[in-house]
Every structure is written in C-alpha cells, then in structure tokens.
C-alpha cells in the first residue's frame, strides 16, 4: 500500500511498477531506464547475466519469440525499499521458436509468475524471475 509516495517502500514499489508498465508497452528502453548499469538478471531456471547490455540482449531474444502482457500485478516492498517482490499472471503468445524449446506456431498461454528485486539508488539492481516451466511446456504442446 502506498501512503504518500515518499516512503522508501513506496519508491521501490513505484520503480517496479514503472518497470512492468514499460514491459507491457514493449518499451525496452523504458525498462532499461529502471535498472542499474550492473543489474544482475536471474532468468527462470537459467543462469545469471550482469549488466544492461546483457539485459538488452535478453529483451531482444524475448521480443523475437514472445509477446507477453502481465496482468494482475501485485508488488510488495520491504520497509527500507531495498527489496521487493511481484506476482502477476502472464498472458502470452509464443511467436517464434526459442532455442532449446519446442517449435512455436502462435500458441497462447496463461500462467502465474513472480519476480524478486534488489533496489539501489532508486533503481533495480537485481531481478530474479520465476514461472512454472513445466506448465508453460504443457500449454504450448510440448
């Protein structure tokens, strides 16, 4: 809950919501603007990449293979604003085959997801994403 937008937790929540607003708009530069230069990104069931350039490459791959919208977003932040978490529902279309995954042919999917964030200086310094890969595979007909 935001009170007046001045608490550290309010600022963290606003940053995460701005990140997701940019995501839903397909505004990759807007997403990147919410990140520190040394952002750590933990992809779902994958490795960690570090830095905005690596994150930009991840976004390009995602943009090629998927069109997603996040709905029902709920963000929670700790009182000092150093960490936050989000839960949402992904509504997506699998547009082009992603390496190591089943063939894409426009399959639609809906699945819950979540993310954990570290924040520093009003920006996201770490984002760790989670969704149920087995559920996604089932929905795209793997």
N, C-alpha and C. Protein backbone atom coordinates (compact mmCIF):
# COMPACT_ATOMS: atom_id res chain seq x y z
N UNK A 1 0.84 -1.18 0.00
CA UNK A 1 0.00 0.00 0.00
C UNK A 1 0.88 1.24 0.00
N UNK A 2 0.57 2.16 -0.88
CA UNK A 2 1.31 3.41 -0.90
C UNK A 2 0.55 4.45 -0.08
N UNK A 3 1.28 5.19 0.71
CA UNK A 3 0.67 6.22 1.54
C UNK A 3 0.76 7.58 0.83
N UNK A 4 1.98 8.10 0.73
CA UNK A 4 2.16 9.41 0.10
C UNK A 4 3.24 9.40 -0.97
N UNK A 5 3.78 8.22 -1.27
CA UNK A 5 4.81 8.12 -2.29
C UNK A 5 6.19 8.51 -1.82
N UNK A 6 6.34 8.85 -0.56
CA UNK A 6 7.63 9.31 -0.06
C UNK A 6 8.40 8.26 0.74
N UNK A 7 7.72 7.23 1.20
CA UNK A 7 8.41 6.19 1.97
C UNK A 7 9.32 5.40 1.03
N UNK A 8 10.38 4.83 1.58
CA UNK A 8 11.30 4.02 0.77
C UNK A 8 10.58 2.87 0.09
N UNK A 9 9.64 2.26 0.79
CA UNK A 9 8.90 1.15 0.19
C UNK A 9 8.00 1.64 -0.95
N UNK A 10 7.46 2.85 -0.83
CA UNK A 10 6.65 3.42 -1.91
C UNK A 10 7.50 3.64 -3.16
N UNK A 11 8.72 4.14 -2.96
CA UNK A 11 9.60 4.40 -4.09
C UNK A 11 10.01 3.10 -4.78
N UNK A 12 10.28 2.07 -3.99
CA UNK A 12 10.62 0.77 -4.57
C UNK A 12 9.44 0.22 -5.37
N UNK A 13 8.25 0.30 -4.80
CA UNK A 13 7.05 -0.17 -5.49
C UNK A 13 6.84 0.59 -6.79
N UNK A 14 7.02 1.90 -6.76
CA UNK A 14 6.85 2.72 -7.97
C UNK A 14 7.86 2.33 -9.04
N UNK A 15 9.09 2.05 -8.65
CA UNK A 15 10.12 1.66 -9.61
C UNK A 15 9.76 0.34 -10.29
N UNK A 16 9.34 -0.64 -9.48
CA UNK A 16 8.96 -1.94 -10.04
C UNK A 16 7.74 -1.80 -10.95
N UNK A 17 6.77 -1.01 -10.54
CA UNK A 17 5.58 -0.80 -11.38
C UNK A 17 5.94 -0.09 -12.69
N UNK A 18 6.88 0.85 -12.64
CA UNK A 18 7.32 1.53 -13.87
C UNK A 18 8.02 0.53 -14.80
N UNK A 19 8.78 -0.37 -14.24
CA UNK A 19 9.45 -1.43 -15.00
C UNK A 19 8.42 -2.29 -15.72
N UNK A 20 7.37 -2.70 -15.01
CA UNK A 20 6.33 -3.53 -15.63
C UNK A 20 5.45 -2.75 -16.60
N UNK A 21 5.22 -1.48 -16.32
CA UNK A 21 4.45 -0.66 -17.26
C UNK A 21 5.20 -0.58 -18.60
N UNK A 22 6.51 -0.39 -18.53
CA UNK A 22 7.32 -0.35 -19.75
C UNK A 22 7.31 -1.71 -20.44
N UNK A 23 7.38 -2.79 -19.66
CA UNK A 23 7.32 -4.14 -20.24
C UNK A 23 6.04 -4.31 -21.04
N UNK A 24 4.91 -3.99 -20.43
CA UNK A 24 3.62 -4.18 -21.10
C UNK A 24 3.48 -3.31 -22.34
N UNK A 25 4.18 -2.18 -22.37
CA UNK A 25 4.13 -1.28 -23.53
C UNK A 25 5.15 -1.68 -24.60
N UNK A 26 5.98 -2.69 -24.31
CA UNK A 26 7.04 -3.05 -25.26
C UNK A 26 8.12 -1.98 -25.34
N UNK A 27 8.24 -1.19 -24.28
CA UNK A 27 9.20 -0.08 -24.20
C UNK A 27 10.47 -0.57 -23.52
N UNK A 28 11.35 -1.22 -24.31
CA UNK A 28 12.54 -1.83 -23.72
C UNK A 28 13.48 -0.79 -23.13
N UNK A 29 13.59 0.37 -23.76
CA UNK A 29 14.44 1.42 -23.20
C UNK A 29 13.86 1.94 -21.88
N UNK A 30 12.54 1.98 -21.79
CA UNK A 30 11.90 2.37 -20.54
C UNK A 30 12.18 1.37 -19.43
N UNK A 31 12.21 0.08 -19.78
CA UNK A 31 12.57 -0.94 -18.79
C UNK A 31 14.02 -0.75 -18.34
N UNK A 32 14.91 -0.60 -19.33
CA UNK A 32 16.33 -0.45 -19.03
C UNK A 32 16.60 0.78 -18.17
N UNK A 33 15.79 1.82 -18.32
CA UNK A 33 15.96 3.04 -17.53
C UNK A 33 15.72 2.79 -16.04
N UNK A 34 15.02 1.73 -15.71
CA UNK A 34 14.73 1.41 -14.31
C UNK A 34 15.85 0.57 -13.67
N UNK A 35 16.86 0.20 -14.45
CA UNK A 35 17.90 -0.71 -13.99
C UNK A 35 19.22 0.01 -13.70
N UNK A 36 19.98 -0.53 -12.74
CA UNK A 36 21.35 -0.06 -12.54
C UNK A 36 22.20 -0.57 -13.70
N UNK A 37 23.33 0.07 -13.94
CA UNK A 37 24.22 -0.35 -15.03
C UNK A 37 24.73 -1.77 -14.82
N UNK A 38 24.88 -2.17 -13.55
CA UNK A 38 25.42 -3.51 -13.23
C UNK A 38 24.32 -4.48 -12.80
N UNK A 39 23.12 -4.30 -13.32
CA UNK A 39 21.98 -5.13 -12.92
C UNK A 39 22.32 -6.62 -13.08
N UNK A 40 21.93 -7.39 -12.08
CA UNK A 40 22.04 -8.85 -12.16
C UNK A 40 20.67 -9.40 -12.54
N UNK A 41 20.65 -10.25 -13.56
CA UNK A 41 19.39 -10.81 -14.02
C UNK A 41 19.47 -12.33 -13.95
N UNK A 42 18.60 -12.90 -13.12
CA UNK A 42 18.49 -14.35 -12.98
C UNK A 42 17.26 -14.78 -13.77
N UNK A 43 17.51 -15.36 -14.94
CA UNK A 43 16.41 -15.83 -15.77
C UNK A 43 15.81 -17.09 -15.15
N UNK A 44 14.55 -17.33 -15.43
CA UNK A 44 13.87 -18.51 -14.90
C UNK A 44 14.64 -19.78 -15.27
N UNK A 45 14.99 -20.55 -14.29
CA UNK A 45 15.67 -21.83 -14.46
C UNK A 45 16.89 -21.70 -15.36
N UNK A 46 17.55 -20.56 -15.31
CA UNK A 46 18.73 -20.33 -16.13
C UNK A 46 19.83 -19.71 -15.30
N UNK A 47 20.82 -19.19 -15.97
CA UNK A 47 21.95 -18.59 -15.30
C UNK A 47 21.74 -17.13 -15.01
N UNK A 48 22.77 -16.53 -14.46
CA UNK A 48 22.76 -15.10 -14.14
C UNK A 48 23.55 -14.36 -15.21
N UNK A 49 23.00 -13.24 -15.67
CA UNK A 49 23.74 -12.33 -16.53
C UNK A 49 23.86 -11.01 -15.79
N UNK A 50 24.88 -10.24 -16.13
CA UNK A 50 25.13 -8.99 -15.42
C UNK A 50 25.30 -7.87 -16.43
N UNK A 51 24.65 -6.75 -16.15
CA UNK A 51 24.81 -5.54 -16.94
C UNK A 51 23.64 -5.28 -17.88
N UNK A 52 23.49 -4.00 -18.24
CA UNK A 52 22.39 -3.59 -19.11
C UNK A 52 22.53 -4.17 -20.52
N UNK A 53 23.75 -4.32 -21.01
CA UNK A 53 23.92 -4.88 -22.36
C UNK A 53 23.40 -6.31 -22.41
N UNK A 54 23.71 -7.09 -21.38
CA UNK A 54 23.22 -8.48 -21.33
C UNK A 54 21.70 -8.49 -21.21
N UNK A 55 21.15 -7.57 -20.43
CA UNK A 55 19.70 -7.50 -20.27
C UNK A 55 19.05 -7.09 -21.59
N UNK A 56 19.67 -6.16 -22.30
CA UNK A 56 19.16 -5.72 -23.60
C UNK A 56 19.13 -6.90 -24.58
N UNK A 57 20.17 -7.73 -24.57
CA UNK A 57 20.21 -8.91 -25.44
C UNK A 57 19.10 -9.89 -25.07
N UNK A 58 18.86 -10.06 -23.78
CA UNK A 58 17.77 -10.92 -23.31
C UNK A 58 16.43 -10.40 -23.83
N UNK A 59 16.21 -9.09 -23.72
CA UNK A 59 14.96 -8.50 -24.20
C UNK A 59 14.78 -8.70 -25.70
N UNK A 60 15.86 -8.59 -26.45
CA UNK A 60 15.76 -8.79 -27.91
C UNK A 60 15.35 -10.22 -28.22
N UNK A 61 15.92 -11.19 -27.51
CA UNK A 61 15.54 -12.59 -27.72
C UNK A 61 14.08 -12.81 -27.35
N UNK A 62 13.67 -12.26 -26.23
CA UNK A 62 12.28 -12.40 -25.79
C UNK A 62 11.33 -11.75 -26.79
N UNK A 63 11.70 -10.58 -27.29
CA UNK A 63 10.84 -9.86 -28.22
C UNK A 63 10.66 -10.64 -29.52
N UNK A 64 11.68 -11.35 -29.93
CA UNK A 64 11.60 -12.14 -31.16
C UNK A 64 10.65 -13.33 -30.99
N UNK A 65 10.70 -13.98 -29.84
CA UNK A 65 9.98 -15.24 -29.66
C UNK A 65 8.63 -15.13 -28.96
N UNK A 66 8.42 -14.07 -28.20
CA UNK A 66 7.23 -14.00 -27.35
C UNK A 66 6.58 -12.63 -27.44
N UNK A 67 5.29 -12.61 -27.26
CA UNK A 67 4.56 -11.36 -26.99
C UNK A 67 3.80 -11.63 -25.71
N UNK A 68 4.14 -10.88 -24.68
CA UNK A 68 3.53 -11.12 -23.37
C UNK A 68 2.99 -9.84 -22.77
N UNK A 69 1.93 -10.01 -22.00
CA UNK A 69 1.37 -8.94 -21.19
C UNK A 69 1.22 -9.49 -19.78
N UNK A 70 1.64 -8.70 -18.82
CA UNK A 70 1.48 -9.10 -17.42
C UNK A 70 0.24 -8.41 -16.87
N UNK A 71 -0.61 -9.21 -16.24
CA UNK A 71 -1.84 -8.68 -15.64
C UNK A 71 -1.89 -9.04 -14.17
N UNK A 72 -2.78 -8.39 -13.46
CA UNK A 72 -2.99 -8.65 -12.03
C UNK A 72 -1.68 -8.55 -11.26
N UNK A 73 -0.91 -7.51 -11.53
CA UNK A 73 0.39 -7.31 -10.89
C UNK A 73 0.21 -6.83 -9.46
N UNK A 74 0.87 -7.50 -8.54
CA UNK A 74 0.91 -7.10 -7.14
C UNK A 74 2.37 -6.95 -6.76
N UNK A 75 2.74 -5.80 -6.19
CA UNK A 75 4.12 -5.55 -5.78
C UNK A 75 4.14 -5.31 -4.28
N UNK A 76 5.10 -5.95 -3.63
CA UNK A 76 5.32 -5.77 -2.20
C UNK A 76 6.77 -5.37 -2.00
N UNK A 77 7.02 -4.42 -1.09
CA UNK A 77 8.39 -3.97 -0.83
C UNK A 77 8.64 -3.94 0.67
N UNK A 78 9.88 -4.21 1.06
CA UNK A 78 10.22 -4.15 2.48
C UNK A 78 10.30 -2.68 2.90
N UNK A 79 10.20 -2.40 4.18
CA UNK A 79 10.12 -1.00 4.63
C UNK A 79 11.27 -0.12 4.19
N UNK A 80 12.50 -0.67 4.09
CA UNK A 80 13.62 0.17 3.69
C UNK A 80 13.75 0.32 2.18
N UNK A 81 12.90 -0.36 1.41
CA UNK A 81 12.89 -0.23 -0.04
C UNK A 81 14.04 -0.93 -0.74
N UNK A 82 14.82 -1.73 -0.03
CA UNK A 82 15.98 -2.40 -0.63
C UNK A 82 15.59 -3.65 -1.40
N UNK A 83 14.44 -4.21 -1.07
CA UNK A 83 13.98 -5.41 -1.77
C UNK A 83 12.49 -5.31 -2.04
N UNK A 84 12.08 -5.99 -3.11
CA UNK A 84 10.67 -6.03 -3.46
C UNK A 84 10.38 -7.36 -4.14
N UNK A 85 9.11 -7.68 -4.20
CA UNK A 85 8.66 -8.89 -4.90
C UNK A 85 7.40 -8.54 -5.66
N UNK A 86 7.18 -9.26 -6.75
CA UNK A 86 5.99 -9.05 -7.56
C UNK A 86 5.40 -10.39 -7.94
N UNK A 87 4.09 -10.43 -8.01
CA UNK A 87 3.37 -11.60 -8.53
C UNK A 87 2.45 -11.09 -9.62
N UNK A 88 2.27 -11.90 -10.65
CA UNK A 88 1.47 -11.48 -11.80
C UNK A 88 1.00 -12.70 -12.55
N UNK A 89 0.17 -12.45 -13.56
CA UNK A 89 -0.27 -13.50 -14.48
C UNK A 89 0.20 -13.11 -15.87
N UNK A 90 0.95 -14.01 -16.51
CA UNK A 90 1.47 -13.79 -17.85
C UNK A 90 0.44 -14.27 -18.86
N UNK A 91 0.06 -13.40 -19.78
CA UNK A 91 -0.78 -13.76 -20.92
C UNK A 91 0.11 -13.59 -22.15
N UNK A 92 0.43 -14.71 -22.81
CA UNK A 92 1.41 -14.61 -23.88
C UNK A 92 1.08 -15.40 -25.12
N UNK A 93 1.87 -15.11 -26.15
CA UNK A 93 1.84 -15.83 -27.42
C UNK A 93 3.27 -16.20 -27.76
N UNK A 94 3.47 -17.47 -28.08
CA UNK A 94 4.78 -17.99 -28.46
C UNK A 94 4.89 -17.82 -29.97
N UNK A 95 5.66 -16.81 -30.42
CA UNK A 95 5.66 -16.36 -31.82
C UNK A 95 6.72 -17.01 -32.69
N UNK A 96 7.89 -17.24 -32.14
CA UNK A 96 8.99 -17.81 -32.93
C UNK A 96 9.77 -18.75 -32.02
N UNK A 97 10.21 -19.87 -32.55
CA UNK A 97 10.87 -20.89 -31.75
C UNK A 97 12.10 -20.31 -31.05
N UNK A 98 12.13 -20.51 -29.74
CA UNK A 98 13.25 -20.10 -28.91
C UNK A 98 14.20 -21.29 -28.77
N UNK A 99 15.49 -21.02 -28.81
CA UNK A 99 16.49 -22.08 -28.78
C UNK A 99 16.29 -23.03 -27.60
N UNK A 100 16.26 -24.34 -27.92
CA UNK A 100 16.13 -25.36 -26.90
C UNK A 100 14.71 -25.62 -26.43
N UNK A 101 13.75 -24.94 -27.05
CA UNK A 101 12.36 -25.09 -26.66
C UNK A 101 11.56 -25.64 -27.84
N UNK A 102 10.33 -26.09 -27.59
CA UNK A 102 9.51 -26.66 -28.67
C UNK A 102 9.25 -25.65 -29.78
N UNK A 103 8.87 -26.14 -30.95
CA UNK A 103 8.54 -25.24 -32.07
C UNK A 103 7.37 -24.31 -31.72
N UNK A 104 7.50 -23.09 -32.18
CA UNK A 104 6.44 -22.09 -31.97
C UNK A 104 5.54 -22.04 -33.18
N UNK A 105 4.24 -21.90 -32.92
CA UNK A 105 3.27 -21.68 -34.01
C UNK A 105 2.11 -20.84 -33.51
N UNK A 106 2.45 -19.83 -32.71
CA UNK A 106 1.42 -18.91 -32.23
C UNK A 106 0.64 -19.42 -31.03
N UNK A 107 1.18 -20.41 -30.31
CA UNK A 107 0.46 -20.93 -29.15
C UNK A 107 0.27 -19.83 -28.10
N UNK A 108 -0.90 -19.84 -27.51
CA UNK A 108 -1.20 -18.89 -26.42
C UNK A 108 -1.05 -19.61 -25.09
N UNK A 109 -0.67 -18.84 -24.08
CA UNK A 109 -0.50 -19.42 -22.75
C UNK A 109 -0.85 -18.37 -21.69
N UNK A 110 -1.26 -18.87 -20.54
CA UNK A 110 -1.57 -18.04 -19.37
C UNK A 110 -0.97 -18.77 -18.18
N UNK A 111 -0.07 -18.12 -17.48
CA UNK A 111 0.48 -18.76 -16.30
C UNK A 111 0.95 -17.73 -15.29
N UNK A 112 0.87 -18.11 -14.01
CA UNK A 112 1.34 -17.19 -12.98
C UNK A 112 2.86 -17.11 -12.99
N UNK A 113 3.36 -15.98 -12.56
CA UNK A 113 4.79 -15.78 -12.45
C UNK A 113 5.10 -14.85 -11.31
N UNK A 114 6.37 -14.71 -11.04
CA UNK A 114 6.79 -13.83 -9.98
C UNK A 114 8.22 -13.38 -10.19
N UNK A 115 8.61 -12.37 -9.44
CA UNK A 115 9.97 -11.85 -9.52
C UNK A 115 10.37 -11.28 -8.18
N UNK A 116 11.66 -11.33 -7.94
CA UNK A 116 12.26 -10.75 -6.74
C UNK A 116 13.28 -9.71 -7.18
N UNK A 117 13.33 -8.61 -6.44
CA UNK A 117 14.16 -7.48 -6.81
C UNK A 117 15.03 -7.01 -5.65
N UNK A 118 16.25 -6.60 -5.97
CA UNK A 118 17.08 -5.78 -5.09
C UNK A 118 17.07 -4.40 -5.72
N UNK A 119 16.96 -3.36 -4.90
CA UNK A 119 16.96 -2.00 -5.39
C UNK A 119 18.09 -1.21 -4.73
N UNK A 120 18.69 -0.32 -5.51
CA UNK A 120 19.78 0.51 -5.03
C UNK A 120 19.70 1.86 -5.72
N UNK A 121 19.70 2.92 -4.94
CA UNK A 121 19.68 4.26 -5.53
C UNK A 121 18.47 4.53 -6.39
N UNK A 122 17.34 3.94 -6.05
CA UNK A 122 16.10 4.16 -6.79
C UNK A 122 15.99 3.36 -8.08
N UNK A 123 16.91 2.41 -8.28
CA UNK A 123 16.88 1.58 -9.49
C UNK A 123 16.96 0.11 -9.11
N UNK A 124 16.58 -0.73 -10.05
CA UNK A 124 16.60 -2.18 -9.84
C UNK A 124 18.03 -2.68 -10.09
N UNK A 125 18.60 -3.32 -9.06
CA UNK A 125 19.97 -3.84 -9.15
C UNK A 125 20.00 -5.35 -9.38
N UNK A 126 18.89 -6.01 -9.10
CA UNK A 126 18.77 -7.45 -9.37
C UNK A 126 17.32 -7.76 -9.62
N UNK A 127 17.08 -8.62 -10.62
CA UNK A 127 15.75 -9.16 -10.86
C UNK A 127 15.89 -10.66 -11.08
N UNK A 128 15.13 -11.42 -10.32
CA UNK A 128 15.10 -12.87 -10.42
C UNK A 128 13.68 -13.27 -10.78
N UNK A 129 13.51 -13.88 -11.95
CA UNK A 129 12.18 -14.25 -12.44
C UNK A 129 11.88 -15.72 -12.19
N UNK A 130 10.59 -15.99 -11.97
CA UNK A 130 10.16 -17.37 -11.78
C UNK A 130 8.80 -17.58 -12.43
N UNK A 131 8.66 -18.70 -13.13
CA UNK A 131 7.37 -19.22 -13.57
C UNK A 131 7.54 -20.73 -13.68
N UNK A 132 6.45 -21.43 -13.80
CA UNK A 132 6.48 -22.89 -13.86
C UNK A 132 6.72 -23.33 -15.30
N UNK A 133 7.96 -23.69 -15.60
CA UNK A 133 8.33 -24.06 -16.96
C UNK A 133 7.54 -25.28 -17.44
N UNK A 134 7.30 -26.25 -16.57
CA UNK A 134 6.56 -27.43 -16.99
C UNK A 134 5.13 -27.09 -17.38
N UNK A 135 4.52 -26.15 -16.67
CA UNK A 135 3.17 -25.68 -17.03
C UNK A 135 3.21 -25.00 -18.39
N UNK A 136 4.22 -24.14 -18.62
CA UNK A 136 4.34 -23.46 -19.91
C UNK A 136 4.53 -24.48 -21.04
N UNK A 137 5.40 -25.47 -20.84
CA UNK A 137 5.61 -26.50 -21.85
C UNK A 137 4.33 -27.25 -22.17
N UNK A 138 3.56 -27.55 -21.13
CA UNK A 138 2.28 -28.25 -21.35
C UNK A 138 1.34 -27.38 -22.18
N UNK A 139 1.30 -26.10 -21.89
CA UNK A 139 0.39 -25.21 -22.60
C UNK A 139 0.77 -24.98 -24.05
N UNK A 140 2.06 -25.05 -24.36
CA UNK A 140 2.48 -24.85 -25.76
C UNK A 140 2.56 -26.18 -26.50
N UNK A 141 2.15 -27.25 -25.84
CA UNK A 141 2.03 -28.54 -26.51
C UNK A 141 3.32 -29.33 -26.64
N UNK A 142 4.22 -29.13 -25.70
CA UNK A 142 5.50 -29.88 -25.74
C UNK A 142 5.28 -31.34 -25.35
